[in-house]
Amino acid sequence: MGQQDQQNHQTGSPIKVNLQHDLNWLLQSQPLMAATPEVDNFQPQDAFNQTHISTTHVHTYPAQPAYRLGKQFEDCVSHLFKSSPTHDIIARNIVIQTATRTLGELDIIYQNSRAQIVHLELAIKFYLLNKDGTQLMDFVGPAGHDRLDLKWDRLRQHQLPLSQTSPVLDFLQQQRLAKPTCQQLLLTGILFYAYENWQSTLIESIGLNPNHQRGWWLEHHELAQLEPIRGLERNFIVLPKWHWIGGPRHYIEPQMIDYEELVAFTTLDPWPNMVLMYERRQSHQPFIFKNRGLILATKKPPLVS
């Protein structure tokens, strides 16, 4: 839990988020993985209609540690469906229970513009590629508790097929819910690469969507790489967890910190910090958002194996 999240935990203040900013990011995002014969990627743009979108849609979430980024993402997708004239949510967060056990949960069942009943699974993830990594297993969560290959396999082999199993179909019938005829996946987010070559790193033949959104990462002892060169001003915003999705869209008139303040702030924090980088070349010009990255403690938590 980063410093801003810890402060929220201490104050206990509810977290207010304008989900419209997250939705605007989602509509410009790309799946992390390329579609396959067995996995159909959901395209948020297919359900989007500009005339039905509001500028503000504020949700309130509990303070840390009860706050969950995944719940915020689900609400963002729900906001998309509520504003869509062609796609309707039938049910969401459907817990599948039998007399003896819980079999799992379906994120969303919806009806599309062709009257198809679709089971949709959702996930937003932020993974960084270990230096010299070349495989899906080398993409790990910022705190080392998750891996892209494990998440991908879980979604493909368990979550998506779940809605076609007999116990789940029986349960849906008992609940008088429409049975899905197809499945879709919305696995989006950002993949982060080592700062020195984050824009040029290309990992092929492992199923990544080549158009996925990317950022950079570095450790505390590498922060000098962020120091602005002569003739360039560079400022930063350290994001609280509830702004990880929409990022710069949450900041119309951002209160930024300079490089020295960034170093002082992040090196005191053992947890990963996601930051936005802004630049300008003339003092009379506005700062322009350039990219986002992750700053990690030099000694990273052990990675799962």
C-alpha atoms as a PDB file:
ATOM      1  CA  MET A   1       0.000   0.000   0.000  1.00  0.00           C
ATOM      2  CA  GLY A   2       1.610   3.268  -1.168  1.00  0.00           C
ATOM      3  CA  GLN A   3       1.844   6.424   0.919  1.00  0.00           C
ATOM      4  CA  GLN A   4      -1.343   8.011  -0.422  1.00  0.00           C
ATOM      5  CA  ASP A   5      -3.244   4.779   0.132  1.00  0.00           C
ATOM      6  CA  GLN A   6      -1.841   4.567   3.667  1.00  0.00           C
ATOM      7  CA  GLN A   7      -2.958   8.133   4.356  1.00  0.00           C
ATOM      8  CA  ASN A   8      -6.442   7.252   3.146  1.00  0.00           C
ATOM      9  CA  HIS A   9      -6.412   4.195   5.415  1.00  0.00           C
ATOM     10  CA  GLN A  10      -5.477   6.390   8.379  1.00  0.00           C
ATOM     11  CA  THR A  11      -8.164   9.004   7.735  1.00  0.00           C
ATOM     12  CA  GLY A  12     -10.830   6.477   6.773  1.00  0.00           C
ATOM     13  CA  SER A  13     -12.244   8.909   4.217  1.00  0.00           C
ATOM     14  CA  PRO A  14     -14.500   7.433   1.515  1.00  0.00           C
ATOM     15  CA  ILE A  15     -12.918   7.475  -1.943  1.00  0.00           C
ATOM     16  CA  LYS A  16     -14.813   9.360  -4.648  1.00  0.00           C
ATOM     17  CA  VAL A  17     -13.982   8.517  -8.266  1.00  0.00           C
ATOM     18  CA  ASN A  18     -15.369   9.976 -11.480  1.00  0.00           C
ATOM     19  CA  LEU A  19     -15.772   6.796 -13.506  1.00  0.00           C
ATOM     20  CA  GLN A  20     -16.242   8.812 -16.681  1.00  0.00           C
ATOM     21  CA  HIS A  21     -12.478   9.456 -16.669  1.00  0.00           C
ATOM     22  CA  ASP A  22     -11.846   5.713 -16.368  1.00  0.00           C
ATOM     23  CA  LEU A  23     -14.317   5.011 -19.163  1.00  0.00           C
ATOM     24  CA  ASN A  24     -12.573   7.521 -21.428  1.00  0.00           C
ATOM     25  CA  TRP A  25      -9.328   5.628 -20.821  1.00  0.00           C
ATOM     26  CA  LEU A  26     -11.028   2.281 -21.435  1.00  0.00           C
ATOM     27  CA  LEU A  27     -12.379   3.417 -24.791  1.00  0.00           C
ATOM     28  CA  GLN A  28      -8.812   4.166 -25.914  1.00  0.00           C
ATOM     29  CA  SER A  29      -7.287   1.016 -24.430  1.00  0.00           C
ATOM     30  CA  GLN A  30      -6.343  -2.262 -26.072  1.00  0.00           C
ATOM     31  CA  PRO A  31      -6.493  -5.893 -24.872  1.00  0.00           C
ATOM     32  CA  LEU A  32      -3.266  -7.176 -23.345  1.00  0.00           C
ATOM     33  CA  MET A  33      -3.521 -10.426 -25.287  1.00  0.00           C
ATOM     34  CA  ALA A  34      -4.360 -11.035 -28.924  1.00  0.00           C
ATOM     35  CA  ALA A  35      -7.611 -12.834 -29.703  1.00  0.00           C
ATOM     36  CA  THR A  36      -7.377 -16.577 -30.310  1.00  0.00           C
ATOM     37  CA  PRO A  37      -9.780 -19.159 -31.780  1.00  0.00           C
ATOM     38  CA  GLU A  38     -10.913 -19.885 -28.225  1.00  0.00           C
ATOM     39  CA  VAL A  39     -10.920 -16.319 -26.841  1.00  0.00           C
ATOM     40  CA  ASP A  40     -13.002 -13.509 -28.328  1.00  0.00           C
ATOM     41  CA  ASN A  41     -11.884 -10.089 -27.084  1.00  0.00           C
ATOM     42  CA  PHE A  42     -14.677  -7.728 -26.070  1.00  0.00           C
ATOM     43  CA  GLN A  43     -14.336  -4.322 -27.747  1.00  0.00           C
ATOM     44  CA  PRO A  44     -15.702  -1.527 -25.506  1.00  0.00           C
ATOM     45  CA  GLN A  45     -16.036   0.736 -28.542  1.00  0.00           C
ATOM     46  CA  ASP A  46     -18.759  -1.571 -29.905  1.00  0.00           C
ATOM     47  CA  ALA A  47     -21.045  -0.617 -27.019  1.00  0.00           C
ATOM     48  CA  PHE A  48     -20.085   3.055 -26.978  1.00  0.00           C
ATOM     49  CA  ASN A  49     -22.443   5.846 -27.995  1.00  0.00           C
ATOM     50  CA  GLN A  50     -21.229   9.409 -27.538  1.00  0.00           C
ATOM     51  CA  THR A  51     -24.726  10.840 -27.247  1.00  0.00           C
ATOM     52  CA  HIS A  52     -25.464   8.697 -24.188  1.00  0.00           C
ATOM     53  CA  ILE A  53     -22.256   9.466 -22.268  1.00  0.00           C
ATOM     54  CA  SER A  54     -22.269  11.947 -19.382  1.00  0.00           C
ATOM     55  CA  THR A  55     -19.266  14.021 -18.341  1.00  0.00           C
ATOM     56  CA  THR A  56     -19.504  13.036 -14.683  1.00  0.00           C
ATOM     57  CA  HIS A  57     -20.355   9.734 -13.057  1.00  0.00           C
ATOM     58  CA  VAL A  58     -19.059   9.677  -9.486  1.00  0.00           C
ATOM     59  CA  HIS A  59     -18.901   6.485  -7.442  1.00  0.00           C
ATOM     60  CA  THR A  60     -17.955   6.291  -3.780  1.00  0.00           C
ATOM     61  CA  TYR A  61     -15.769   3.470  -2.467  1.00  0.00           C
ATOM     62  CA  PRO A  62     -14.727   2.510   1.056  1.00  0.00           C
ATOM     63  CA  ALA A  63     -11.388   3.694   2.383  1.00  0.00           C
ATOM     64  CA  GLN A  64      -8.306   1.515   2.268  1.00  0.00           C
ATOM     65  CA  PRO A  65      -7.795  -1.340   2.921  1.00  0.00           C
ATOM     66  CA  ALA A  66     -11.377  -2.243   1.892  1.00  0.00           C
ATOM     67  CA  TYR A  67     -11.067  -0.401  -1.453  1.00  0.00           C
ATOM     68  CA  ARG A  68     -10.633  -2.698  -4.487  1.00  0.00           C
ATOM     69  CA  LEU A  69      -9.384  -1.588  -7.915  1.00  0.00           C
ATOM     70  CA  GLY A  70     -11.109  -4.560  -9.551  1.00  0.00           C
ATOM     71  CA  LYS A  71     -14.494  -3.422  -8.227  1.00  0.00           C
ATOM     72  CA  GLN A  72     -13.864   0.048  -9.628  1.00  0.00           C
ATOM     73  CA  PHE A  73     -13.083  -1.459 -13.037  1.00  0.00           C
ATOM     74  CA  GLU A  74     -16.277  -3.529 -12.960  1.00  0.00           C
ATOM     75  CA  ASP A  75     -18.260  -0.382 -12.183  1.00  0.00           C
ATOM     76  CA  CYS A  76     -16.550   1.395 -15.072  1.00  0.00           C
ATOM     77  CA  VAL A  77     -17.643  -1.341 -17.482  1.00  0.00           C
ATOM     78  CA  SER A  78     -21.144  -1.287 -15.993  1.00  0.00           C
ATOM     79  CA  HIS A  79     -21.235   2.468 -16.654  1.00  0.00           C
ATOM     80  CA  LEU A  80     -20.381   1.739 -20.292  1.00  0.00           C
ATOM     81  CA  PHE A  81     -23.286  -0.700 -20.623  1.00  0.00           C
ATOM     82  CA  LYS A  82     -25.746   1.637 -18.911  1.00  0.00           C
ATOM     83  CA  SER A  83     -24.959   4.298 -21.485  1.00  0.00           C
ATOM     84  CA  SER A  84     -25.168   1.913 -24.443  1.00  0.00           C
ATOM     85  CA  PRO A  85     -28.291   1.811 -26.649  1.00  0.00           C
ATOM     86  CA  THR A  86     -27.322  -1.600 -28.066  1.00  0.00           C
ATOM     87  CA  HIS A  87     -25.874  -3.615 -25.164  1.00  0.00           C
ATOM     88  CA  ASP A  88     -27.815  -4.511 -22.010  1.00  0.00           C
ATOM     89  CA  ILE A  89     -26.530  -6.139 -18.837  1.00  0.00           C
ATOM     90  CA  ILE A  90     -28.747  -9.012 -17.754  1.00  0.00           C
ATOM     91  CA  ALA A  91     -26.829  -9.753 -14.556  1.00  0.00           C
ATOM     92  CA  ARG A  92     -23.393  -9.141 -13.030  1.00  0.00           C
ATOM     93  CA  ASN A  93     -21.313 -10.784 -10.322  1.00  0.00           C
ATOM     94  CA  ILE A  94     -23.320 -14.001 -10.474  1.00  0.00           C
ATOM     95  CA  VAL A  95     -22.105 -16.345  -7.742  1.00  0.00           C
ATOM     96  CA  ILE A  96     -22.712 -19.944  -8.830  1.00  0.00           C
ATOM     97  CA  GLN A  97     -23.698 -22.070  -5.851  1.00  0.00           C
ATOM     98  CA  THR A  98     -24.869 -25.625  -5.471  1.00  0.00           C
ATOM     99  CA  ALA A  99     -26.236 -27.266  -2.354  1.00  0.00           C
ATOM    100  CA  THR A 100     -22.732 -28.195  -1.224  1.00  0.00           C
ATOM    101  CA  ARG A 101     -20.266 -25.667  -2.652  1.00  0.00           C
ATOM    102  CA  THR A 102     -19.562 -22.507  -4.620  1.00  0.00           C
ATOM    103  CA  LEU A 103     -18.437 -23.253  -8.178  1.00  0.00           C
ATOM    104  CA  GLY A 104     -17.313 -19.775  -9.129  1.00  0.00           C
ATOM    105  CA  GLU A 105     -18.591 -16.428 -10.339  1.00  0.00           C
ATOM    106  CA  LEU A 106     -19.577 -14.999 -13.721  1.00  0.00           C
ATOM    107  CA  ASP A 107     -18.668 -11.322 -14.046  1.00  0.00           C
ATOM    108  CA  ILE A 108     -21.345 -10.242 -16.525  1.00  0.00           C
ATOM    109  CA  ILE A 109     -24.074 -11.727 -18.691  1.00  0.00           C
ATOM    110  CA  TYR A 110     -25.276  -9.278 -21.322  1.00  0.00           C
ATOM    111  CA  GLN A 111     -27.276  -9.105 -24.538  1.00  0.00           C
ATOM    112  CA  ASN A 112     -25.622  -7.488 -27.553  1.00  0.00           C
ATOM    113  CA  SER A 113     -27.055  -5.699 -30.590  1.00  0.00           C
ATOM    114  CA  ARG A 114     -27.588  -9.038 -32.371  1.00  0.00           C
ATOM    115  CA  ALA A 115     -29.654 -10.375 -29.453  1.00  0.00           C
ATOM    116  CA  GLN A 116     -26.872 -12.806 -28.491  1.00  0.00           C
ATOM    117  CA  ILE A 117     -26.505 -13.679 -24.817  1.00  0.00           C
ATOM    118  CA  VAL A 118     -22.849 -13.250 -23.879  1.00  0.00           C
ATOM    119  CA  HIS A 119     -20.838 -14.260 -20.824  1.00  0.00           C
ATOM    120  CA  LEU A 120     -18.176 -11.560 -20.301  1.00  0.00           C
ATOM    121  CA  GLU A 121     -15.183 -11.886 -17.991  1.00  0.00           C
ATOM    122  CA  LEU A 122     -13.335  -8.754 -16.847  1.00  0.00           C
ATOM    123  CA  ALA A 123      -9.814  -8.088 -15.633  1.00  0.00           C
ATOM    124  CA  ILE A 124      -7.566  -5.041 -15.530  1.00  0.00           C
ATOM    125  CA  LYS A 125      -3.906  -5.739 -14.873  1.00  0.00           C
ATOM    126  CA  PHE A 126      -0.636  -3.852 -14.603  1.00  0.00           C
ATOM    127  CA  TYR A 127       2.383  -6.092 -15.185  1.00  0.00           C
ATOM    128  CA  LEU A 128       6.070  -5.312 -15.546  1.00  0.00           C
ATOM    129  CA  LEU A 129       8.469  -7.355 -17.648  1.00  0.00           C
ATOM    130  CA  ASN A 130      11.501  -8.578 -15.740  1.00  0.00           C
ATOM    131  CA  LYS A 131      14.731  -7.407 -17.326  1.00  0.00           C
ATOM    132  CA  ASP A 132      15.826  -9.863 -20.021  1.00  0.00           C
ATOM    133  CA  GLY A 133      12.420 -11.561 -19.800  1.00  0.00           C
ATOM    134  CA  THR A 134      11.023 -13.111 -22.970  1.00  0.00           C
ATOM    135  CA  GLN A 135       8.004 -15.156 -21.815  1.00  0.00           C
ATOM    136  CA  LEU A 136       4.531 -14.481 -20.416  1.00  0.00           C
ATOM    137  CA  MET A 137       5.737 -15.783 -17.062  1.00  0.00           C
ATOM    138  CA  ASP A 138       8.243 -12.902 -16.955  1.00  0.00           C
ATOM    139  CA  PHE A 139       5.422 -10.334 -16.712  1.00  0.00           C
ATOM    140  CA  VAL A 140       4.728  -9.944 -12.992  1.00  0.00           C
ATOM    141  CA  GLY A 141       2.557  -7.742 -10.824  1.00  0.00           C
ATOM    142  CA  PRO A 142       4.150  -4.647  -9.233  1.00  0.00           C
ATOM    143  CA  ALA A 143       4.279  -6.342  -5.833  1.00  0.00           C
ATOM    144  CA  GLY A 144       5.319  -9.726  -7.243  1.00  0.00           C
ATOM    145  CA  HIS A 145       2.041 -11.435  -6.321  1.00  0.00           C
ATOM    146  CA  ASP A 146       0.709 -12.145  -9.792  1.00  0.00           C
ATOM    147  CA  ARG A 147       1.863 -13.293 -13.238  1.00  0.00           C
ATOM    148  CA  LEU A 148       0.427 -12.728 -16.680  1.00  0.00           C
ATOM    149  CA  ASP A 149       0.751 -16.347 -17.785  1.00  0.00           C
ATOM    150  CA  LEU A 150      -1.131 -17.589 -14.718  1.00  0.00           C
ATOM    151  CA  LYS A 151      -3.899 -15.031 -15.146  1.00  0.00           C
ATOM    152  CA  TRP A 152      -4.224 -15.768 -18.865  1.00  0.00           C
ATOM    153  CA  ASP A 153      -4.426 -19.518 -18.272  1.00  0.00           C
ATOM    154  CA  ARG A 154      -6.978 -19.083 -15.484  1.00  0.00           C
ATOM    155  CA  LEU A 155      -9.221 -16.951 -17.662  1.00  0.00           C
ATOM    156  CA  ARG A 156      -8.980 -19.226 -20.715  1.00  0.00           C
ATOM    157  CA  GLN A 157      -9.141 -22.590 -19.006  1.00  0.00           C
ATOM    158  CA  HIS A 158     -11.516 -21.918 -16.113  1.00  0.00           C
ATOM    159  CA  GLN A 159     -13.377 -18.607 -16.088  1.00  0.00           C
ATOM    160  CA  LEU A 160     -14.581 -18.454 -19.686  1.00  0.00           C
ATOM    161  CA  PRO A 161     -15.597 -22.145 -20.039  1.00  0.00           C
ATOM    162  CA  LEU A 162     -17.426 -22.030 -16.696  1.00  0.00           C
ATOM    163  CA  SER A 163     -20.648 -20.735 -18.235  1.00  0.00           C
ATOM    164  CA  GLN A 164     -20.880 -23.779 -20.521  1.00  0.00           C
ATOM    165  CA  THR A 165     -20.701 -26.415 -17.789  1.00  0.00           C
ATOM    166  CA  SER A 166     -23.828 -28.331 -16.834  1.00  0.00           C
ATOM    167  CA  PRO A 167     -23.930 -27.238 -13.164  1.00  0.00           C
ATOM    168  CA  VAL A 168     -23.704 -23.577 -14.150  1.00  0.00           C
ATOM    169  CA  LEU A 169     -26.330 -23.900 -16.883  1.00  0.00           C
ATOM    170  CA  ASP A 170     -28.632 -25.626 -14.397  1.00  0.00           C
ATOM    171  CA  PHE A 171     -28.040 -22.857 -11.859  1.00  0.00           C
ATOM    172  CA  LEU A 172     -28.814 -20.142 -14.410  1.00  0.00           C
ATOM    173  CA  GLN A 173     -32.031 -21.926 -15.337  1.00  0.00           C
ATOM    174  CA  GLN A 174     -33.036 -22.136 -11.671  1.00  0.00           C
ATOM    175  CA  GLN A 175     -32.386 -18.408 -11.308  1.00  0.00           C
ATOM    176  CA  ARG A 176     -34.347 -17.718 -14.508  1.00  0.00           C
ATOM    177  CA  LEU A 177     -31.319 -16.127 -16.117  1.00  0.00           C
ATOM    178  CA  ALA A 178     -30.653 -16.380 -19.834  1.00  0.00           C
ATOM    179  CA  LYS A 179     -28.048 -18.951 -20.807  1.00  0.00           C
ATOM    180  CA  PRO A 180     -24.999 -17.538 -22.614  1.00  0.00           C
ATOM    181  CA  THR A 181     -24.417 -18.741 -26.156  1.00  0.00           C
ATOM    182  CA  CYS A 182     -20.885 -17.315 -26.370  1.00  0.00           C
ATOM    183  CA  GLN A 183     -18.094 -15.960 -24.198  1.00  0.00           C
ATOM    184  CA  GLN A 184     -15.947 -12.831 -24.367  1.00  0.00           C
ATOM    185  CA  LEU A 185     -12.972 -11.500 -22.439  1.00  0.00           C
ATOM    186  CA  LEU A 186     -11.979  -7.969 -21.496  1.00  0.00           C
ATOM    187  CA  LEU A 187      -8.397  -8.283 -20.222  1.00  0.00           C
ATOM    188  CA  THR A 188      -6.862  -4.845 -20.444  1.00  0.00           C
ATOM    189  CA  GLY A 189      -4.349  -2.690 -18.590  1.00  0.00           C
ATOM    190  CA  ILE A 190      -0.737  -1.652 -19.130  1.00  0.00           C
ATOM    191  CA  LEU A 191       2.493  -3.606 -19.564  1.00  0.00           C
ATOM    192  CA  PHE A 192       5.600  -1.885 -18.212  1.00  0.00           C
ATOM    193  CA  TYR A 193       9.123  -2.330 -19.564  1.00  0.00           C
ATOM    194  CA  ALA A 194      12.570  -1.374 -18.218  1.00  0.00           C
ATOM    195  CA  TYR A 195      12.965   2.397 -18.622  1.00  0.00           C
ATOM    196  CA  GLU A 196      16.051   2.359 -20.825  1.00  0.00           C
ATOM    197  CA  ASN A 197      14.226   0.630 -23.698  1.00  0.00           C
ATOM    198  CA  TRP A 198      10.557   0.693 -22.741  1.00  0.00           C
ATOM    199  CA  GLN A 199       9.327   2.023 -26.074  1.00  0.00           C
ATOM    200  CA  SER A 200      11.327  -0.351 -28.265  1.00  0.00           C
ATOM    201  CA  THR A 201      11.088  -3.646 -26.374  1.00  0.00           C
ATOM    202  CA  LEU A 202       9.189  -6.123 -28.538  1.00  0.00           C
ATOM    203  CA  ILE A 203       8.319  -9.610 -27.330  1.00  0.00           C
ATOM    204  CA  GLU A 204       6.911 -11.706 -30.176  1.00  0.00           C
ATOM    205  CA  SER A 205       5.321 -15.136 -30.505  1.00  0.00           C
ATOM    206  CA  ILE A 206       3.887 -15.339 -26.977  1.00  0.00           C
ATOM    207  CA  GLY A 207       0.378 -14.100 -27.756  1.00  0.00           C
ATOM    208  CA  LEU A 208       0.609 -10.446 -26.720  1.00  0.00           C
ATOM    209  CA  ASN A 209      -1.521  -7.917 -28.530  1.00  0.00           C
ATOM    210  CA  PRO A 210       1.140  -5.837 -30.346  1.00  0.00           C
ATOM    211  CA  ASN A 211      -0.957  -2.707 -29.767  1.00  0.00           C
ATOM    212  CA  HIS A 212      -1.218  -3.081 -25.984  1.00  0.00           C
ATOM    213  CA  GLN A 213      -0.658   0.018 -23.895  1.00  0.00           C
ATOM    214  CA  ARG A 214       2.804   0.269 -22.406  1.00  0.00           C
ATOM    215  CA  GLY A 215       4.751   2.194 -19.807  1.00  0.00           C
ATOM    216  CA  TRP A 216       8.161   2.083 -18.129  1.00  0.00           C
ATOM    217  CA  TRP A 217       9.495   0.900 -14.800  1.00  0.00           C
ATOM    218  CA  LEU A 218      12.656   1.433 -12.791  1.00  0.00           C
ATOM    219  CA  GLU A 219      13.971   0.971  -9.272  1.00  0.00           C
ATOM    220  CA  HIS A 220      14.934   3.567  -6.665  1.00  0.00           C
ATOM    221  CA  HIS A 221      18.641   3.398  -7.504  1.00  0.00           C
ATOM    222  CA  GLU A 222      17.816   4.150 -11.161  1.00  0.00           C
ATOM    223  CA  LEU A 223      15.778   7.313 -10.567  1.00  0.00           C
ATOM    224  CA  ALA A 224      18.542   9.528 -11.991  1.00  0.00           C
ATOM    225  CA  GLN A 225      17.328   8.410 -15.425  1.00  0.00           C
ATOM    226  CA  LEU A 226      14.251  10.582 -14.859  1.00  0.00           C
ATOM    227  CA  GLU A 227      16.235  13.758 -14.165  1.00  0.00           C
ATOM    228  CA  PRO A 228      15.380  16.311 -16.867  1.00  0.00           C
ATOM    229  CA  ILE A 229      18.048  17.292 -19.364  1.00  0.00           C
ATOM    230  CA  ARG A 230      18.983  20.910 -20.002  1.00  0.00           C
ATOM    231  CA  GLY A 231      16.260  22.839 -21.770  1.00  0.00           C
ATOM    232  CA  LEU A 232      13.531  20.486 -20.588  1.00  0.00           C
ATOM    233  CA  GLU A 233      11.264  20.818 -17.564  1.00  0.00           C
ATOM    234  CA  ARG A 234       9.816  17.609 -16.205  1.00  0.00           C
ATOM    235  CA  ASN A 235       7.198  17.215 -13.492  1.00  0.00           C
ATOM    236  CA  PHE A 236       5.338  14.245 -12.063  1.00  0.00           C
ATOM    237  CA  ILE A 237       2.165  13.083 -10.361  1.00  0.00           C
ATOM    238  CA  VAL A 238       2.209  10.084  -8.026  1.00  0.00           C
ATOM    239  CA  LEU A 239      -1.115   8.307  -8.460  1.00  0.00           C
ATOM    240  CA  PRO A 240      -3.265   6.921  -5.676  1.00  0.00           C
ATOM    241  CA  LYS A 241      -4.537   3.447  -6.497  1.00  0.00           C
ATOM    242  CA  TRP A 242      -8.005   4.735  -7.429  1.00  0.00           C
ATOM    243  CA  HIS A 243      -6.490   6.789 -10.274  1.00  0.00           C
ATOM    244  CA  TRP A 244      -4.476   3.927 -11.773  1.00  0.00           C
ATOM    245  CA  ILE A 245      -7.075   3.299 -14.487  1.00  0.00           C
ATOM    246  CA  GLY A 246      -7.850   6.766 -15.825  1.00  0.00           C
ATOM    247  CA  GLY A 247      -4.419   8.183 -15.010  1.00  0.00           C
ATOM    248  CA  PRO A 248      -3.999  11.700 -16.457  1.00  0.00           C
ATOM    249  CA  ARG A 249      -7.701  11.987 -17.262  1.00  0.00           C
ATOM    250  CA  HIS A 250      -8.356  12.509 -13.547  1.00  0.00           C
ATOM    251  CA  TYR A 251      -6.234  15.697 -13.524  1.00  0.00           C
ATOM    252  CA  ILE A 252      -7.557  18.738 -15.381  1.00  0.00           C
ATOM    253  CA  GLU A 253      -5.312  21.188 -13.509  1.00  0.00           C
ATOM    254  CA  PRO A 254      -2.770  18.855 -11.931  1.00  0.00           C
ATOM    255  CA  GLN A 255      -0.742  19.666  -8.842  1.00  0.00           C
ATOM    256  CA  MET A 256       2.629  18.257  -9.835  1.00  0.00           C
ATOM    257  CA  ILE A 257       5.979  17.704  -8.136  1.00  0.00           C
ATOM    258  CA  ASP A 258       9.446  18.135  -9.616  1.00  0.00           C
ATOM    259  CA  TYR A 259      12.194  15.536  -9.928  1.00  0.00           C
ATOM    260  CA  GLU A 260      13.746  16.184  -6.498  1.00  0.00           C
ATOM    261  CA  GLU A 261      10.353  15.937  -4.809  1.00  0.00           C
ATOM    262  CA  LEU A 262       9.631  12.721  -6.702  1.00  0.00           C
ATOM    263  CA  VAL A 263      12.860  11.149  -5.461  1.00  0.00           C
ATOM    264  CA  ALA A 264      12.158  12.211  -1.876  1.00  0.00           C
ATOM    265  CA  PHE A 265       8.584  10.927  -2.011  1.00  0.00           C
ATOM    266  CA  THR A 266       9.118   7.569  -3.696  1.00  0.00           C
ATOM    267  CA  THR A 267      12.359   6.465  -2.028  1.00  0.00           C
ATOM    268  CA  LEU A 268      10.657   6.603   1.366  1.00  0.00           C
ATOM    269  CA  ASP A 269       8.018   4.176   0.143  1.00  0.00           C
ATOM    270  CA  PRO A 270       8.796   0.435  -0.026  1.00  0.00           C
ATOM    271  CA  TRP A 271       5.703  -0.158  -2.169  1.00  0.00           C
ATOM    272  CA  PRO A 272       5.387   0.385  -5.925  1.00  0.00           C
ATOM    273  CA  ASN A 273       4.309   3.846  -7.039  1.00  0.00           C
ATOM    274  CA  MET A 274       2.644   4.563 -10.374  1.00  0.00           C
ATOM    275  CA  VAL A 275       3.599   7.987 -11.690  1.00  0.00           C
ATOM    276  CA  LEU A 276       2.642  10.269 -14.568  1.00  0.00           C
ATOM    277  CA  MET A 277       5.369  12.212 -16.362  1.00  0.00           C
ATOM    278  CA  TYR A 278       4.766  15.697 -17.810  1.00  0.00           C
ATOM    279  CA  GLU A 279       7.191  17.821 -19.836  1.00  0.00           C
ATOM    280  CA  ARG A 280       7.589  21.283 -21.323  1.00  0.00           C
ATOM    281  CA  ARG A 281      10.455  23.162 -22.987  1.00  0.00           C
ATOM    282  CA  GLN A 282       9.368  26.752 -22.359  1.00  0.00           C
ATOM    283  CA  SER A 283       8.230  28.126 -19.006  1.00  0.00           C
ATOM    284  CA  HIS A 284       5.284  29.915 -20.623  1.00  0.00           C
ATOM    285  CA  GLN A 285       4.015  26.667 -22.136  1.00  0.00           C
ATOM    286  CA  PRO A 286       1.694  24.226 -20.352  1.00  0.00           C
ATOM    287  CA  PHE A 287       3.062  20.895 -19.189  1.00  0.00           C
ATOM    288  CA  ILE A 288       2.110  18.057 -21.533  1.00  0.00           C
ATOM    289  CA  PHE A 289       1.472  14.513 -20.345  1.00  0.00           C
ATOM    290  CA  LYS A 290       4.080  12.169 -21.864  1.00  0.00           C
ATOM    291  CA  ASN A 291       3.842   8.708 -20.302  1.00  0.00           C
ATOM    292  CA  ARG A 292       3.370   6.737 -17.122  1.00  0.00           C
ATOM    293  CA  GLY A 293       5.583   4.370 -15.215  1.00  0.00           C
ATOM    294  CA  LEU A 294       6.150   2.333 -12.067  1.00  0.00           C
ATOM    295  CA  ILE A 295       8.816   3.126  -9.482  1.00  0.00           C
ATOM    296  CA  LEU A 296       9.834   0.176  -7.321  1.00  0.00           C
ATOM    297  CA  ALA A 297      12.033  -0.278  -4.295  1.00  0.00           C
ATOM    298  CA  THR A 298      15.479  -1.482  -5.360  1.00  0.00           C
ATOM    299  CA  LYS A 299      15.014  -4.758  -3.548  1.00  0.00           C
ATOM    300  CA  LYS A 300      11.822  -6.038  -5.118  1.00  0.00           C
ATOM    301  CA  PRO A 301       9.578  -8.530  -3.316  1.00  0.00           C
ATOM    302  CA  PRO A 302      10.298 -12.123  -4.345  1.00  0.00           C
ATOM    303  CA  LEU A 303       8.516 -13.131  -7.526  1.00  0.00           C
ATOM    304  CA  VAL A 304       6.115 -16.044  -7.546  1.00  0.00           C
ATOM    305  CA  SER A 305       7.431 -19.161  -9.215  1.00  0.00           C
END
